Amino acid sequence: MAGEVLRKIHSLSVPIHGDWRERYFNVIGKRIDAYHTKGMPFEGSDIILAYLEQNSNLTAGRPQRLLHGDFHEGNLMFSDNGELYVIDLFDEGFGFCGDPWYDFRLLIRTAGTRFI
């Protein structure tokens, strides 16, 4: 049911303002810089950062659609008659549009840790 709602959200076209790779790394790059200057290092962070750098080309040319921006179980509500509502749209600097895969980042968890 939640997947169907997310599919509907992602089916809506939005005005595109540049390539997704450029837009994504403009936002994420600032977070990576902040991690380097103010973050708390953790084991394996170098592997994650190297992966992002070495594979950034995979984000080029990706489709851009309407995003929820904060799609996870905490932002799903059911009415008394069982209808699903998705709440709390969140703009993380992408103007509510980008690669639909971006909405899946909060669903990928290992031992409660969220990845970028």
PDB file of N, CA and C in Angstrom:
ATOM      1  N   MET A   1       0.817  -1.187   0.000  1.00  0.00           N
ATOM      2  CA  MET A   1       0.000   0.000   0.000  1.00  0.00           C
ATOM      3  C   MET A   1       0.872   1.266   0.000  1.00  0.00           C
ATOM      4  N   ALA A   2       1.875   1.333   0.874  1.00  0.00           N
ATOM      5  CA  ALA A   2       2.752   2.500   0.925  1.00  0.00           C
ATOM      6  C   ALA A   2       3.534   2.633  -0.375  1.00  0.00           C
ATOM      7  N   GLY A   3       3.944   1.516  -0.930  1.00  0.00           N
ATOM      8  CA  GLY A   3       4.669   1.537  -2.191  1.00  0.00           C
ATOM      9  C   GLY A   3       3.821   2.090  -3.330  1.00  0.00           C
ATOM     10  N   GLU A   4       2.531   1.781  -3.295  1.00  0.00           N
ATOM     11  CA  GLU A   4       1.631   2.309  -4.319  1.00  0.00           C
ATOM     12  C   GLU A   4       1.517   3.825  -4.220  1.00  0.00           C
ATOM     13  N   VAL A   5       1.447   4.331  -2.999  1.00  0.00           N
ATOM     14  CA  VAL A   5       1.378   5.786  -2.807  1.00  0.00           C
ATOM     15  C   VAL A   5       2.672   6.438  -3.286  1.00  0.00           C
ATOM     16  N   LEU A   6       3.802   5.851  -2.931  1.00  0.00           N
ATOM     17  CA  LEU A   6       5.082   6.409  -3.356  1.00  0.00           C
ATOM     18  C   LEU A   6       5.207   6.362  -4.879  1.00  0.00           C
ATOM     19  N   ARG A   7       4.708   5.306  -5.505  1.00  0.00           N
ATOM     20  CA  ARG A   7       4.722   5.216  -6.969  1.00  0.00           C
ATOM     21  C   ARG A   7       3.912   6.358  -7.573  1.00  0.00           C
ATOM     22  N   LYS A   8       2.773   6.687  -6.963  1.00  0.00           N
ATOM     23  CA  LYS A   8       1.959   7.805  -7.459  1.00  0.00           C
ATOM     24  C   LYS A   8       2.715   9.122  -7.312  1.00  0.00           C
ATOM     25  N   ILE A   9       3.363   9.313  -6.176  1.00  0.00           N
ATOM     26  CA  ILE A   9       4.154  10.534  -5.970  1.00  0.00           C
ATOM     27  C   ILE A   9       5.228  10.632  -7.050  1.00  0.00           C
ATOM     28  N   HIS A  10       5.928   9.532  -7.301  1.00  0.00           N
ATOM     29  CA  HIS A  10       7.025   9.526  -8.271  1.00  0.00           C
ATOM     30  C   HIS A  10       6.547   9.570  -9.723  1.00  0.00           C
ATOM     31  N   SER A  11       5.261   9.390  -9.960  1.00  0.00           N
ATOM     32  CA  SER A  11       4.758   9.443 -11.334  1.00  0.00           C
ATOM     33  C   SER A  11       4.538  10.880 -11.798  1.00  0.00           C
ATOM     34  N   LEU A  12       4.591  11.824 -10.880  1.00  0.00           N
ATOM     35  CA  LEU A  12       4.332  13.219 -11.222  1.00  0.00           C
ATOM     36  C   LEU A  12       5.599  13.909 -11.716  1.00  0.00           C
ATOM     37  N   SER A  13       5.500  14.485 -12.892  1.00  0.00           N
ATOM     38  CA  SER A  13       6.624  15.225 -13.463  1.00  0.00           C
ATOM     39  C   SER A  13       6.758  16.572 -12.760  1.00  0.00           C
ATOM     40  N   VAL A  14       7.978  17.050 -12.711  1.00  0.00           N
ATOM     41  CA  VAL A  14       8.270  18.348 -12.103  1.00  0.00           C
ATOM     42  C   VAL A  14       9.239  19.103 -13.008  1.00  0.00           C
ATOM     43  N   PRO A  15       9.295  20.429 -12.854  1.00  0.00           N
ATOM     44  CA  PRO A  15      10.290  21.177 -13.641  1.00  0.00           C
ATOM     45  C   PRO A  15      11.690  20.749 -13.221  1.00  0.00           C
ATOM     46  N   ILE A  16      12.543  20.482 -14.175  1.00  0.00           N
ATOM     47  CA  ILE A  16      13.897  20.022 -13.888  1.00  0.00           C
ATOM     48  C   ILE A  16      14.856  21.201 -13.965  1.00  0.00           C
ATOM     49  N   HIS A  17      15.664  21.342 -12.949  1.00  0.00           N
ATOM     50  CA  HIS A  17      16.627  22.432 -12.866  1.00  0.00           C
ATOM     51  C   HIS A  17      18.037  21.862 -12.825  1.00  0.00           C
ATOM     52  N   GLY A  18      18.496  21.307 -13.928  1.00  0.00           N
ATOM     53  CA  GLY A  18      19.846  20.756 -14.001  1.00  0.00           C
ATOM     54  C   GLY A  18      19.877  19.255 -13.820  1.00  0.00           C
ATOM     55  N   ASP A  19      21.033  18.682 -14.087  1.00  0.00           N
ATOM     56  CA  ASP A  19      21.251  17.244 -13.982  1.00  0.00           C
ATOM     57  C   ASP A  19      21.206  16.803 -12.517  1.00  0.00           C
ATOM     58  N   TRP A  20      20.639  15.612 -12.265  1.00  0.00           N
ATOM     59  CA  TRP A  20      20.512  15.106 -10.903  1.00  0.00           C
ATOM     60  C   TRP A  20      21.869  14.959 -10.222  1.00  0.00           C
ATOM     61  N   ARG A  21      22.875  14.493 -10.938  1.00  0.00           N
ATOM     62  CA  ARG A  21      24.208  14.330 -10.336  1.00  0.00           C
ATOM     63  C   ARG A  21      24.696  15.658  -9.784  1.00  0.00           C
ATOM     64  N   GLU A  22      24.594  16.702 -10.558  1.00  0.00           N
ATOM     65  CA  GLU A  22      25.041  18.029 -10.128  1.00  0.00           C
ATOM     66  C   GLU A  22      24.232  18.519  -8.925  1.00  0.00           C
ATOM     67  N   ARG A  23      22.924  18.373  -9.004  1.00  0.00           N
ATOM     68  CA  ARG A  23      22.045  18.835  -7.923  1.00  0.00           C
ATOM     69  C   ARG A  23      22.292  18.027  -6.642  1.00  0.00           C
ATOM     70  N   TYR A  24      22.418  16.703  -6.789  1.00  0.00           N
ATOM     71  CA  TYR A  24      22.612  15.836  -5.632  1.00  0.00           C
ATOM     72  C   TYR A  24      23.928  16.149  -4.915  1.00  0.00           C
ATOM     73  N   PHE A  25      25.008  16.225  -5.667  1.00  0.00           N
ATOM     74  CA  PHE A  25      26.304  16.444  -5.027  1.00  0.00           C
ATOM     75  C   PHE A  25      26.494  17.885  -4.566  1.00  0.00           C
ATOM     76  N   ASN A  26      25.695  18.813  -5.077  1.00  0.00           N
ATOM     77  CA  ASN A  26      25.712  20.162  -4.536  1.00  0.00           C
ATOM     78  C   ASN A  26      25.213  20.150  -3.092  1.00  0.00           C
ATOM     79  N   VAL A  27      24.190  19.366  -2.820  1.00  0.00           N
ATOM     80  CA  VAL A  27      23.634  19.251  -1.466  1.00  0.00           C
ATOM     81  C   VAL A  27      24.464  18.285  -0.622  1.00  0.00           C
ATOM     82  N   ILE A  28      24.697  17.084  -1.128  1.00  0.00           N
ATOM     83  CA  ILE A  28      25.405  16.057  -0.370  1.00  0.00           C
ATOM     84  C   ILE A  28      26.870  16.449  -0.158  1.00  0.00           C
ATOM     85  N   GLY A  29      27.456  17.132  -1.137  1.00  0.00           N
ATOM     86  CA  GLY A  29      28.840  17.572  -1.002  1.00  0.00           C
ATOM     87  C   GLY A  29      29.047  18.453   0.225  1.00  0.00           C
ATOM     88  N   LYS A  30      28.073  19.313   0.507  1.00  0.00           N
ATOM     89  CA  LYS A  30      28.148  20.171   1.703  1.00  0.00           C
ATOM     90  C   LYS A  30      28.106  19.324   2.971  1.00  0.00           C
ATOM     91  N   ARG A  31      27.321  18.266   2.948  1.00  0.00           N
ATOM     92  CA  ARG A  31      27.244  17.372   4.111  1.00  0.00           C
ATOM     93  C   ARG A  31      28.548  16.599   4.294  1.00  0.00           C
ATOM     94  N   ILE A  32      29.139  16.189   3.185  1.00  0.00           N
ATOM     95  CA  ILE A  32      30.419  15.474   3.254  1.00  0.00           C
ATOM     96  C   ILE A  32      31.497  16.409   3.785  1.00  0.00           C
ATOM     97  N   ASP A  33      31.515  17.656   3.296  1.00  0.00           N
ATOM     98  CA  ASP A  33      32.480  18.639   3.802  1.00  0.00           C
ATOM     99  C   ASP A  33      32.285  18.868   5.305  1.00  0.00           C
ATOM    100  N   ALA A  34      31.032  18.965   5.739  1.00  0.00           N
ATOM    101  CA  ALA A  34      30.755  19.155   7.166  1.00  0.00           C
ATOM    102  C   ALA A  34      31.221  17.952   7.977  1.00  0.00           C
ATOM    103  N   TYR A  35      31.064  16.753   7.426  1.00  0.00           N
ATOM    104  CA  TYR A  35      31.543  15.557   8.112  1.00  0.00           C
ATOM    105  C   TYR A  35      33.057  15.641   8.300  1.00  0.00           C
ATOM    106  N   HIS A  36      33.769  16.060   7.253  1.00  0.00           N
ATOM    107  CA  HIS A  36      35.236  16.160   7.334  1.00  0.00           C
ATOM    108  C   HIS A  36      35.675  17.193   8.364  1.00  0.00           C
ATOM    109  N   THR A  37      34.929  18.286   8.497  1.00  0.00           N
ATOM    110  CA  THR A  37      35.364  19.359   9.399  1.00  0.00           C
ATOM    111  C   THR A  37      34.770  19.256  10.805  1.00  0.00           C
ATOM    112  N   LYS A  38      33.536  18.743  10.910  1.00  0.00           N
ATOM    113  CA  LYS A  38      32.857  18.746  12.211  1.00  0.00           C
ATOM    114  C   LYS A  38      32.343  17.384  12.646  1.00  0.00           C
ATOM    115  N   GLY A  39      32.414  16.409  11.760  1.00  0.00           N
ATOM    116  CA  GLY A  39      31.803  15.112  12.042  1.00  0.00           C
ATOM    117  C   GLY A  39      32.613  14.244  12.978  1.00  0.00           C
ATOM    118  N   MET A  40      31.963  13.211  13.447  1.00  0.00           N
ATOM    119  CA  MET A  40      32.611  12.235  14.304  1.00  0.00           C
ATOM    120  C   MET A  40      33.010  11.041  13.445  1.00  0.00           C
ATOM    121  N   PRO A  41      34.310  10.841  13.236  1.00  0.00           N
ATOM    122  CA  PRO A  41      34.761   9.719  12.397  1.00  0.00           C
ATOM    123  C   PRO A  41      34.278   8.374  12.951  1.00  0.00           C
ATOM    124  N   PHE A  42      34.009   7.466  12.049  1.00  0.00           N
ATOM    125  CA  PHE A  42      33.614   6.124  12.455  1.00  0.00           C
ATOM    126  C   PHE A  42      34.300   5.120  11.539  1.00  0.00           C
ATOM    127  N   GLU A  43      34.459   3.919  12.027  1.00  0.00           N
ATOM    128  CA  GLU A  43      35.132   2.881  11.259  1.00  0.00           C
ATOM    129  C   GLU A  43      34.364   2.598   9.975  1.00  0.00           C
ATOM    130  N   GLY A  44      35.057   2.644   8.871  1.00  0.00           N
ATOM    131  CA  GLY A  44      34.447   2.364   7.579  1.00  0.00           C
ATOM    132  C   GLY A  44      33.989   3.604   6.828  1.00  0.00           C
ATOM    133  N   SER A  45      34.064   4.774   7.457  1.00  0.00           N
ATOM    134  CA  SER A  45      33.601   5.983   6.768  1.00  0.00           C
ATOM    135  C   SER A  45      34.406   6.241   5.506  1.00  0.00           C
ATOM    136  N   ASP A  46      35.683   5.908   5.522  1.00  0.00           N
ATOM    137  CA  ASP A  46      36.516   6.118   4.341  1.00  0.00           C
ATOM    138  C   ASP A  46      36.025   5.272   3.168  1.00  0.00           C
ATOM    139  N   ILE A  47      35.497   4.090   3.450  1.00  0.00           N
ATOM    140  CA  ILE A  47      34.976   3.210   2.399  1.00  0.00           C
ATOM    141  C   ILE A  47      33.717   3.830   1.778  1.00  0.00           C
ATOM    142  N   ILE A  48      32.836   4.343   2.621  1.00  0.00           N
ATOM    143  CA  ILE A  48      31.595   4.958   2.136  1.00  0.00           C
ATOM    144  C   ILE A  48      31.906   6.200   1.309  1.00  0.00           C
ATOM    145  N   LEU A  49      32.789   7.051   1.809  1.00  0.00           N
ATOM    146  CA  LEU A  49      33.126   8.276   1.088  1.00  0.00           C
ATOM    147  C   LEU A  49      33.818   7.971  -0.241  1.00  0.00           C
ATOM    148  N   ALA A  50      34.706   6.979  -0.247  1.00  0.00           N
ATOM    149  CA  ALA A  50      35.375   6.588  -1.493  1.00  0.00           C
ATOM    150  C   ALA A  50      34.362   6.042  -2.494  1.00  0.00           C
ATOM    151  N   TYR A  51      33.405   5.256  -2.012  1.00  0.00           N
ATOM    152  CA  TYR A  51      32.369   4.710  -2.899  1.00  0.00           C
ATOM    153  C   TYR A  51      31.575   5.843  -3.549  1.00  0.00           C
ATOM    154  N   LEU A  52      31.161   6.827  -2.745  1.00  0.00           N
ATOM    155  CA  LEU A  52      30.410   7.951  -3.291  1.00  0.00           C
ATOM    156  C   LEU A  52      31.208   8.675  -4.368  1.00  0.00           C
ATOM    157  N   GLU A  53      32.471   8.913  -4.090  1.00  0.00           N
ATOM    158  CA  GLU A  53      33.317   9.634  -5.044  1.00  0.00           C
ATOM    159  C   GLU A  53      33.531   8.816  -6.317  1.00  0.00           C
ATOM    160  N   GLN A  54      33.847   7.544  -6.171  1.00  0.00           N
ATOM    161  CA  GLN A  54      34.169   6.702  -7.322  1.00  0.00           C
ATOM    162  C   GLN A  54      32.950   6.364  -8.185  1.00  0.00           C
ATOM    163  N   ASN A  55      31.766   6.455  -7.602  1.00  0.00           N
ATOM    164  CA  ASN A  55      30.561   6.066  -8.335  1.00  0.00           C
ATOM    165  C   ASN A  55      29.590   7.211  -8.574  1.00  0.00           C
ATOM    166  N   SER A  56      30.039   8.430  -8.390  1.00  0.00           N
ATOM    167  CA  SER A  56      29.148   9.575  -8.563  1.00  0.00           C
ATOM    168  C   SER A  56      28.592   9.651  -9.982  1.00  0.00           C
ATOM    169  N   ASN A  57      29.324   9.106 -10.940  1.00  0.00           N
ATOM    170  CA  ASN A  57      28.857   9.128 -12.328  1.00  0.00           C
ATOM    171  C   ASN A  57      27.547   8.359 -12.512  1.00  0.00           C
ATOM    172  N   LEU A  58      27.229   7.433 -11.616  1.00  0.00           N
ATOM    173  CA  LEU A  58      26.000   6.647 -11.739  1.00  0.00           C
ATOM    174  C   LEU A  58      24.745   7.489 -11.519  1.00  0.00           C
ATOM    175  N   THR A  59      24.912   8.659 -10.922  1.00  0.00           N
ATOM    176  CA  THR A  59      23.758   9.529 -10.676  1.00  0.00           C
ATOM    177  C   THR A  59      23.479  10.463 -11.855  1.00  0.00           C
ATOM    178  N   ALA A  60      24.386  10.552 -12.805  1.00  0.00           N
ATOM    179  CA  ALA A  60      24.201  11.438 -13.964  1.00  0.00           C
ATOM    180  C   ALA A  60      23.061  10.947 -14.842  1.00  0.00           C
ATOM    181  N   GLY A  61      22.248  11.890 -15.287  1.00  0.00           N
ATOM    182  CA  GLY A  61      21.178  11.562 -16.226  1.00  0.00           C
ATOM    183  C   GLY A  61      20.007  10.795 -15.647  1.00  0.00           C
ATOM    184  N   ARG A  62      19.936  10.661 -14.352  1.00  0.00           N
ATOM    185  CA  ARG A  62      18.822   9.929 -13.725  1.00  0.00           C
ATOM    186  C   ARG A  62      17.526  10.716 -13.896  1.00  0.00           C
ATOM    187  N   PRO A  63      16.382  10.009 -13.915  1.00  0.00           N
ATOM    188  CA  PRO A  63      15.105  10.719 -14.033  1.00  0.00           C
ATOM    189  C   PRO A  63      14.875  11.577 -12.795  1.00  0.00           C
ATOM    190  N   GLN A  64      14.120  12.626 -12.980  1.00  0.00           N
ATOM    191  CA  GLN A  64      13.782  13.486 -11.850  1.00  0.00           C
ATOM    192  C   GLN A  64      12.270  13.619 -11.785  1.00  0.00           C
ATOM    193  N   ARG A  65      11.755  13.319 -10.628  1.00  0.00           N
ATOM    194  CA  ARG A  65      10.314  13.328 -10.390  1.00  0.00           C
ATOM    195  C   ARG A  65      10.027  14.002  -9.055  1.00  0.00           C
ATOM    196  N   LEU A  66       8.746  14.129  -8.719  1.00  0.00           N
ATOM    197  CA  LEU A  66       8.367  14.650  -7.419  1.00  0.00           C
ATOM    198  C   LEU A  66       8.907  13.711  -6.346  1.00  0.00           C
ATOM    199  N   LEU A  67       9.495  14.270  -5.286  1.00  0.00           N
ATOM    200  CA  LEU A  67      10.000  13.479  -4.161  1.00  0.00           C
ATOM    201  C   LEU A  67       9.187  13.776  -2.913  1.00  0.00           C
ATOM    202  N   HIS A  68       9.097  12.790  -2.030  1.00  0.00           N
ATOM    203  CA  HIS A  68       8.555  13.031  -0.701  1.00  0.00           C
ATOM    204  C   HIS A  68       9.640  13.677   0.149  1.00  0.00           C
ATOM    205  N   GLY A  69      10.829  13.121   0.117  1.00  0.00           N
ATOM    206  CA  GLY A  69      11.977  13.693   0.816  1.00  0.00           C
ATOM    207  C   GLY A  69      12.218  13.126   2.204  1.00  0.00           C
ATOM    208  N   ASP A  70      11.203  12.520   2.807  1.00  0.00           N
ATOM    209  CA  ASP A  70      11.344  11.973   4.155  1.00  0.00           C
ATOM    210  C   ASP A  70      10.423  10.756   4.299  1.00  0.00           C
ATOM    211  N   PHE A  71      10.468   9.874   3.313  1.00  0.00           N
ATOM    212  CA  PHE A  71       9.540   8.741   3.258  1.00  0.00           C
ATOM    213  C   PHE A  71      10.043   7.609   4.145  1.00  0.00           C
ATOM    214  N   HIS A  72       9.339   7.382   5.235  1.00  0.00           N
ATOM    215  CA  HIS A  72       9.623   6.256   6.123  1.00  0.00           C
ATOM    216  C   HIS A  72       8.363   5.970   6.933  1.00  0.00           C
ATOM    217  N   GLU A  73       8.388   4.888   7.678  1.00  0.00           N
ATOM    218  CA  GLU A  73       7.194   4.421   8.387  1.00  0.00           C
ATOM    219  C   GLU A  73       6.631   5.444   9.364  1.00  0.00           C
ATOM    220  N   GLY A  74       7.451   6.325   9.887  1.00  0.00           N
ATOM    221  CA  GLY A  74       6.978   7.351  10.822  1.00  0.00           C
ATOM    222  C   GLY A  74       6.130   8.419  10.156  1.00  0.00           C
ATOM    223  N   ASN A  75       6.149   8.481   8.832  1.00  0.00           N
ATOM    224  CA  ASN A  75       5.355   9.460   8.110  1.00  0.00           C
ATOM    225  C   ASN A  75       4.187   8.828   7.359  1.00  0.00           C
ATOM    226  N   LEU A  76       3.751   7.681   7.858  1.00  0.00           N
ATOM    227  CA  LEU A  76       2.575   7.009   7.312  1.00  0.00           C
ATOM    228  C   LEU A  76       1.513   6.939   8.399  1.00  0.00           C
ATOM    229  N   MET A  77       0.280   7.275   8.042  1.00  0.00           N
ATOM    230  CA  MET A  77      -0.836   7.216   8.990  1.00  0.00           C
ATOM    231  C   MET A  77      -2.001   6.483   8.334  1.00  0.00           C
ATOM    232  N   PHE A  78      -2.752   5.754   9.134  1.00  0.00           N
ATOM    233  CA  PHE A  78      -3.955   5.091   8.660  1.00  0.00           C
ATOM    234  C   PHE A  78      -5.168   5.741   9.289  1.00  0.00           C
ATOM    235  N   SER A  79      -6.204   5.959   8.469  1.00  0.00           N
ATOM    236  CA  SER A  79      -7.461   6.483   8.996  1.00  0.00           C
ATOM    237  C   SER A  79      -8.220   5.343   9.673  1.00  0.00           C
ATOM    238  N   ASP A  80      -9.300   5.675  10.333  1.00  0.00           N
ATOM    239  CA  ASP A  80     -10.116   4.659  10.999  1.00  0.00           C
ATOM    240  C   ASP A  80     -10.675   3.634  10.009  1.00  0.00           C
ATOM    241  N   ASN A  81     -10.870   4.054   8.758  1.00  0.00           N
ATOM    242  CA  ASN A  81     -11.399   3.100   7.768  1.00  0.00           C
ATOM    243  C   ASN A  81     -10.297   2.460   6.927  1.00  0.00           C
ATOM    244  N   GLY A  82      -9.033   2.591   7.370  1.00  0.00           N
ATOM    245  CA  GLY A  82      -7.930   1.878   6.733  1.00  0.00           C
ATOM    246  C   GLY A  82      -7.250   2.581   5.576  1.00  0.00           C
ATOM    247  N   GLU A  83      -7.620   3.840   5.308  1.00  0.00           N
ATOM    248  CA  GLU A  83      -6.950   4.573   4.242  1.00  0.00           C
ATOM    249  C   GLU A  83      -5.564   5.014   4.710  1.00  0.00           C
ATOM    250  N   LEU A  84      -4.598   4.903   3.807  1.00  0.00           N
ATOM    251  CA  LEU A  84      -3.228   5.288   4.120  1.00  0.00           C
ATOM    252  C   LEU A  84      -3.001   6.746   3.739  1.00  0.00           C
ATOM    253  N   TYR A  85      -2.388   7.493   4.642  1.00  0.00           N
ATOM    254  CA  TYR A  85      -2.008   8.877   4.382  1.00  0.00           C
ATOM    255  C   TYR A  85      -0.502   9.012   4.556  1.00  0.00           C
ATOM    256  N   VAL A  86       0.123   9.687   3.613  1.00  0.00           N
ATOM    257  CA  VAL A  86       1.545   9.978   3.705  1.00  0.00           C
ATOM    258  C   VAL A  86       1.650  11.440   4.110  1.00  0.00           C
ATOM    259  N   ILE A  87       2.363  11.706   5.202  1.00  0.00           N
ATOM    260  CA  ILE A  87       2.440  13.057   5.743  1.00  0.00           C
ATOM    261  C   ILE A  87       3.883  13.565   5.731  1.00  0.00           C
ATOM    262  N   ASP A  88       4.040  14.818   6.047  1.00  0.00           N
ATOM    263  CA  ASP A  88       5.336  15.429   6.338  1.00  0.00           C
ATOM    264  C   ASP A  88       6.306  15.438   5.169  1.00  0.00           C
ATOM    265  N   LEU A  89       5.854  15.995   4.035  1.00  0.00           N
ATOM    266  CA  LEU A  89       6.792  16.162   2.932  1.00  0.00           C
ATOM    267  C   LEU A  89       7.922  17.066   3.388  1.00  0.00           C
ATOM    268  N   PHE A  90       9.125  16.764   2.986  1.00  0.00           N
ATOM    269  CA  PHE A  90      10.304  17.456   3.498  1.00  0.00           C
ATOM    270  C   PHE A  90      11.244  17.789   2.349  1.00  0.00           C
ATOM    271  N   ASP A  91      11.608  19.048   2.229  1.00  0.00           N
ATOM    272  CA  ASP A  91      12.538  19.474   1.180  1.00  0.00           C
ATOM    273  C   ASP A  91      13.933  19.566   1.764  1.00  0.00           C
ATOM    274  N   GLU A  92      14.832  18.721   1.280  1.00  0.00           N
ATOM    275  CA  GLU A  92      16.212  18.720   1.780  1.00  0.00           C
ATOM    276  C   GLU A  92      17.137  19.526   0.888  1.00  0.00           C
ATOM    277  N   GLY A  93      16.593  20.494   0.185  1.00  0.00           N
ATOM    278  CA  GLY A  93      17.419  21.319  -0.669  1.00  0.00           C
ATOM    279  C   GLY A  93      17.299  20.970  -2.138  1.00  0.00           C
ATOM    280  N   PHE A  94      16.449  19.997  -2.462  1.00  0.00           N
ATOM    281  CA  PHE A  94      16.291  19.572  -3.847  1.00  0.00           C
ATOM    282  C   PHE A  94      15.031  20.138  -4.494  1.00  0.00           C
ATOM    283  N   GLY A  95      14.290  20.985  -3.781  1.00  0.00           N
ATOM    284  CA  GLY A  95      13.078  21.558  -4.349  1.00  0.00           C
ATOM    285  C   GLY A  95      11.994  20.538  -4.609  1.00  0.00           C
ATOM    286  N   PHE A  96      11.941  19.501  -3.777  1.00  0.00           N
ATOM    287  CA  PHE A  96      10.936  18.435  -3.878  1.00  0.00           C
ATOM    288  C   PHE A  96      11.014  17.651  -5.175  1.00  0.00           C
ATOM    289  N   CYS A  97      12.135  17.736  -5.887  1.00  0.00           N
ATOM    290  CA  CYS A  97      12.244  16.927  -7.093  1.00  0.00           C
ATOM    291  C   CYS A  97      13.647  16.355  -7.208  1.00  0.00           C
ATOM    292  N   GLY A  98      13.706  15.149  -7.789  1.00  0.00           N
ATOM    293  CA  GLY A  98      14.986  14.481  -7.974  1.00  0.00           C
ATOM    294  C   GLY A  98      14.771  13.036  -8.371  1.00  0.00           C
ATOM    295  N   ASP A  99      15.822  12.242  -8.263  1.00  0.00           N
ATOM    296  CA  ASP A  99      15.782  10.826  -8.597  1.00  0.00           C
ATOM    297  C   ASP A  99      14.858  10.103  -7.615  1.00  0.00           C
ATOM    298  N   PRO A 100      13.848   9.386  -8.103  1.00  0.00           N
ATOM    299  CA  PRO A 100      12.943   8.674  -7.200  1.00  0.00           C
ATOM    300  C   PRO A 100      13.655   7.751  -6.208  1.00  0.00           C
ATOM    301  N   TRP A 101      14.827   7.230  -6.564  1.00  0.00           N
ATOM    302  CA  TRP A 101      15.553   6.363  -5.637  1.00  0.00           C
ATOM    303  C   TRP A 101      15.952   7.095  -4.357  1.00  0.00           C
ATOM    304  N   TYR A 102      16.014   8.422  -4.412  1.00  0.00           N
ATOM    305  CA  TYR A 102      16.399   9.191  -3.221  1.00  0.00           C
ATOM    306  C   TYR A 102      15.445   8.921  -2.054  1.00  0.00           C
ATOM    307  N   ASP A 103      14.175   8.720  -2.360  1.00  0.00           N
ATOM    308  CA  ASP A 103      13.201   8.454  -1.294  1.00  0.00           C
ATOM    309  C   ASP A 103      13.413   7.117  -0.596  1.00  0.00           C
ATOM    310  N   PHE A 104      14.206   6.234  -1.165  1.00  0.00           N
ATOM    311  CA  PHE A 104      14.444   4.932  -0.543  1.00  0.00           C
ATOM    312  C   PHE A 104      15.595   4.935   0.457  1.00  0.00           C
ATOM    313  N   ARG A 105      16.339   6.020   0.547  1.00  0.00           N
ATOM    314  CA  ARG A 105      17.530   6.034   1.401  1.00  0.00           C
ATOM    315  C   ARG A 105      17.192   5.822   2.871  1.00  0.00           C
ATOM    316  N   LEU A 106      16.029   6.295   3.320  1.00  0.00           N
ATOM    317  CA  LEU A 106      15.664   6.132   4.725  1.00  0.00           C
ATOM    318  C   LEU A 106      15.158   4.731   5.032  1.00  0.00           C
ATOM    319  N   LEU A 107      14.824   3.989   3.999  1.00  0.00           N
ATOM    320  CA  LEU A 107      14.336   2.633   4.208  1.00  0.00           C
ATOM    321  C   LEU A 107      15.479   1.627   4.283  1.00  0.00           C
ATOM    322  N   ILE A 108      16.686   2.066   3.877  1.00  0.00           N
ATOM    323  CA  ILE A 108      17.853   1.190   3.911  1.00  0.00           C
ATOM    324  C   ILE A 108      18.529   1.396   5.250  1.00  0.00           C
ATOM    325  N   ARG A 109      18.411   0.431   6.120  1.00  0.00           N
ATOM    326  CA  ARG A 109      18.971   0.568   7.462  1.00  0.00           C
ATOM    327  C   ARG A 109      19.722  -0.696   7.847  1.00  0.00           C
ATOM    328  N   THR A 110      20.775  -0.507   8.571  1.00  0.00           N
ATOM    329  CA  THR A 110      21.506  -1.617   9.147  1.00  0.00           C
ATOM    330  C   THR A 110      21.704  -1.300  10.611  1.00  0.00           C
ATOM    331  N   ALA A 111      21.142  -2.086  11.481  1.00  0.00           N
ATOM    332  CA  ALA A 111      21.257  -1.879  12.930  1.00  0.00           C
ATOM    333  C   ALA A 111      20.856  -0.458  13.324  1.00  0.00           C
ATOM    334  N   GLY A 112      19.823   0.076  12.673  1.00  0.00           N
ATOM    335  CA  GLY A 112      19.310   1.382  13.034  1.00  0.00           C
ATOM    336  C   GLY A 112      20.112   2.550  12.480  1.00  0.00           C
ATOM    337  N   THR A 113      21.128   2.300  11.669  1.00  0.00           N
ATOM    338  CA  THR A 113      21.932   3.385  11.121  1.00  0.00           C
ATOM    339  C   THR A 113      21.389   3.785   9.759  1.00  0.00           C
ATOM    340  N   ARG A 114      21.232   5.091   9.534  1.00  0.00           N
ATOM    341  CA  ARG A 114      20.772   5.585   8.242  1.00  0.00           C
ATOM    342  C   ARG A 114      21.977   5.969   7.412  1.00  0.00           C
ATOM    343  N   PHE A 115      21.905   5.689   6.131  1.00  0.00           N
ATOM    344  CA  PHE A 115      22.987   6.035   5.207  1.00  0.00           C
ATOM    345  C   PHE A 115      22.600   7.259   4.420  1.00  0.00           C
ATOM    346  N   ILE A 116      23.605   7.948   3.836  1.00  0.00           N
ATOM    347  CA  ILE A 116      23.326   9.124   3.020  1.00  0.00           C
ATOM    348  C   ILE A 116      22.639   8.687   1.756  1.00  0.00           C
TER     349      ILE A 116
END
